[in-house]
Amino acid sequence: MRQLWIESGEINERIHCGDICSAKTGLPRATKLCERYAKILVAEKCERVKIEPYIAYGGWIGLTYSYDFDNEPFVGSVVVRTRA
């Protein structure tokens, strides 16, 4: 999951810098990223994997996630920003 946070933070940085026009434009990239990491989690024996991007307050990309690993649930939501 750490690498997913890093890569979603890079998408938000590109939004901040203007390389990506808006969160709406960055959403398809984030969706592909989430699909790729969902497959990785399934390969790592996680169950009921669900990772979805959304447009967060302030025009950033956020991620909601839920999955079970060794019968322990992990659920959360995060908006990764690397700069203030």
C-alpha atoms as a PDB file:
ATOM      1  CA  MET A   1       0.000   0.000   0.000  1.00  0.00           C
ATOM      2  CA  ARG A   2       2.924   2.344   0.600  1.00  0.00           C
ATOM      3  CA  GLN A   3       3.771   2.424  -3.087  1.00  0.00           C
ATOM      4  CA  LEU A   4       0.138   3.176  -3.921  1.00  0.00           C
ATOM      5  CA  TRP A   5       0.246   6.187  -1.590  1.00  0.00           C
ATOM      6  CA  ILE A   6       3.461   7.391  -3.224  1.00  0.00           C
ATOM      7  CA  GLU A   7       2.035   7.118  -6.724  1.00  0.00           C
ATOM      8  CA  SER A   8      -1.274   8.768  -5.795  1.00  0.00           C
ATOM      9  CA  GLY A   9       0.745  11.577  -4.197  1.00  0.00           C
ATOM     10  CA  GLU A  10       2.566  12.010  -7.503  1.00  0.00           C
ATOM     11  CA  ILE A  11      -0.776  12.421  -9.288  1.00  0.00           C
ATOM     12  CA  ASN A  12      -1.749  15.106  -6.754  1.00  0.00           C
ATOM     13  CA  GLU A  13       1.603  16.828  -7.260  1.00  0.00           C
ATOM     14  CA  ARG A  14       0.991  16.927 -10.993  1.00  0.00           C
ATOM     15  CA  ILE A  15      -2.424  18.481 -10.313  1.00  0.00           C
ATOM     16  CA  HIS A  16      -0.772  21.038  -8.013  1.00  0.00           C
ATOM     17  CA  CYS A  17       1.875  21.921 -10.611  1.00  0.00           C
ATOM     18  CA  GLY A  18      -0.622  22.155 -13.461  1.00  0.00           C
ATOM     19  CA  ASP A  19       0.693  19.171 -15.434  1.00  0.00           C
ATOM     20  CA  ILE A  20      -2.751  17.611 -14.927  1.00  0.00           C
ATOM     21  CA  CYS A  21      -5.511  20.216 -15.349  1.00  0.00           C
ATOM     22  CA  SER A  22      -7.790  19.042 -12.547  1.00  0.00           C
ATOM     23  CA  ALA A  23      -8.752  16.136 -10.324  1.00  0.00           C
ATOM     24  CA  LYS A  24     -11.440  15.251 -12.862  1.00  0.00           C
ATOM     25  CA  THR A  25      -8.720  14.839 -15.500  1.00  0.00           C
ATOM     26  CA  GLY A  26      -6.514  12.842 -13.108  1.00  0.00           C
ATOM     27  CA  LEU A  27      -9.299  10.488 -12.020  1.00  0.00           C
ATOM     28  CA  PRO A  28      -8.837   7.998 -14.926  1.00  0.00           C
ATOM     29  CA  ARG A  29      -5.124   7.691 -14.087  1.00  0.00           C
ATOM     30  CA  ALA A  30      -5.951   7.086 -10.463  1.00  0.00           C
ATOM     31  CA  THR A  31      -8.540   4.470 -11.444  1.00  0.00           C
ATOM     32  CA  LYS A  32      -5.959   2.521 -13.468  1.00  0.00           C
ATOM     33  CA  LEU A  33      -3.515   2.812 -10.581  1.00  0.00           C
ATOM     34  CA  CYS A  34      -6.098   1.433  -8.137  1.00  0.00           C
ATOM     35  CA  GLU A  35      -6.945  -1.468 -10.443  1.00  0.00           C
ATOM     36  CA  ARG A  36      -3.266  -2.392 -10.707  1.00  0.00           C
ATOM     37  CA  TYR A  37      -2.734  -2.334  -6.940  1.00  0.00           C
ATOM     38  CA  ALA A  38      -5.955  -4.255  -6.288  1.00  0.00           C
ATOM     39  CA  LYS A  39      -4.561  -7.078  -8.453  1.00  0.00           C
ATOM     40  CA  ILE A  40      -1.287  -6.949  -6.509  1.00  0.00           C
ATOM     41  CA  LEU A  41      -3.132  -7.226  -3.184  1.00  0.00           C
ATOM     42  CA  VAL A  42      -5.125 -10.209  -4.441  1.00  0.00           C
ATOM     43  CA  ALA A  43      -1.870 -11.856  -5.518  1.00  0.00           C
ATOM     44  CA  GLU A  44      -0.561 -11.251  -1.976  1.00  0.00           C
ATOM     45  CA  LYS A  45      -3.505 -13.297  -0.596  1.00  0.00           C
ATOM     46  CA  CYS A  46      -5.738 -10.386   0.416  1.00  0.00           C
ATOM     47  CA  GLU A  47      -9.475 -10.940   0.219  1.00  0.00           C
ATOM     48  CA  ARG A  48     -12.427  -8.634  -0.551  1.00  0.00           C
ATOM     49  CA  VAL A  49     -10.120  -6.004  -2.053  1.00  0.00           C
ATOM     50  CA  LYS A  50     -11.706  -2.702  -3.002  1.00  0.00           C
ATOM     51  CA  ILE A  51      -9.709   0.429  -3.826  1.00  0.00           C
ATOM     52  CA  GLU A  52     -11.464   3.401  -5.394  1.00  0.00           C
ATOM     53  CA  PRO A  53     -10.333   6.942  -6.206  1.00  0.00           C
ATOM     54  CA  TYR A  54     -12.539   9.978  -5.640  1.00  0.00           C
ATOM     55  CA  ILE A  55     -12.313  13.721  -6.023  1.00  0.00           C
ATOM     56  CA  ALA A  56     -11.589  15.097  -2.573  1.00  0.00           C
ATOM     57  CA  TYR A  57     -12.227  18.554  -1.177  1.00  0.00           C
ATOM     58  CA  GLY A  58      -9.791  21.071  -2.604  1.00  0.00           C
ATOM     59  CA  GLY A  59      -9.571  19.401  -5.998  1.00  0.00           C
ATOM     60  CA  TRP A  60      -7.274  16.539  -5.060  1.00  0.00           C
ATOM     61  CA  ILE A  61      -7.496  12.819  -5.715  1.00  0.00           C
ATOM     62  CA  GLY A  62      -8.345  10.722  -2.666  1.00  0.00           C
ATOM     63  CA  LEU A  63      -8.462   6.954  -2.234  1.00  0.00           C
ATOM     64  CA  THR A  64     -10.821   4.767  -0.254  1.00  0.00           C
ATOM     65  CA  TYR A  65      -9.729   1.224   0.417  1.00  0.00           C
ATOM     66  CA  SER A  66     -10.856  -1.915   2.157  1.00  0.00           C
ATOM     67  CA  TYR A  67      -9.387  -5.397   2.193  1.00  0.00           C
ATOM     68  CA  ASP A  68      -8.881  -8.359   4.518  1.00  0.00           C
ATOM     69  CA  PHE A  69      -5.440  -9.802   5.199  1.00  0.00           C
ATOM     70  CA  ASP A  70      -5.138 -12.842   7.433  1.00  0.00           C
ATOM     71  CA  ASN A  71      -8.771 -12.326   8.491  1.00  0.00           C
ATOM     72  CA  GLU A  72      -7.967  -8.808   9.703  1.00  0.00           C
ATOM     73  CA  PRO A  73      -9.879  -5.977   7.990  1.00  0.00           C
ATOM     74  CA  PHE A  74      -8.127  -2.848   6.761  1.00  0.00           C
ATOM     75  CA  VAL A  75     -10.381   0.083   5.884  1.00  0.00           C
ATOM     76  CA  GLY A  76      -9.631   3.722   5.297  1.00  0.00           C
ATOM     77  CA  SER A  77      -9.534   6.806   3.183  1.00  0.00           C
ATOM     78  CA  VAL A  78      -6.555   8.985   2.356  1.00  0.00           C
ATOM     79  CA  VAL A  79      -5.621  12.068   0.351  1.00  0.00           C
ATOM     80  CA  VAL A  80      -1.869  12.064  -0.168  1.00  0.00           C
ATOM     81  CA  ARG A  81      -0.160  15.438  -0.474  1.00  0.00           C
ATOM     82  CA  THR A  82       3.595  15.751  -0.585  1.00  0.00           C
ATOM     83  CA  ARG A  83       3.735  19.556  -0.309  1.00  0.00           C
ATOM     84  CA  ALA A  84       1.870  22.041   1.828  1.00  0.00           C
END
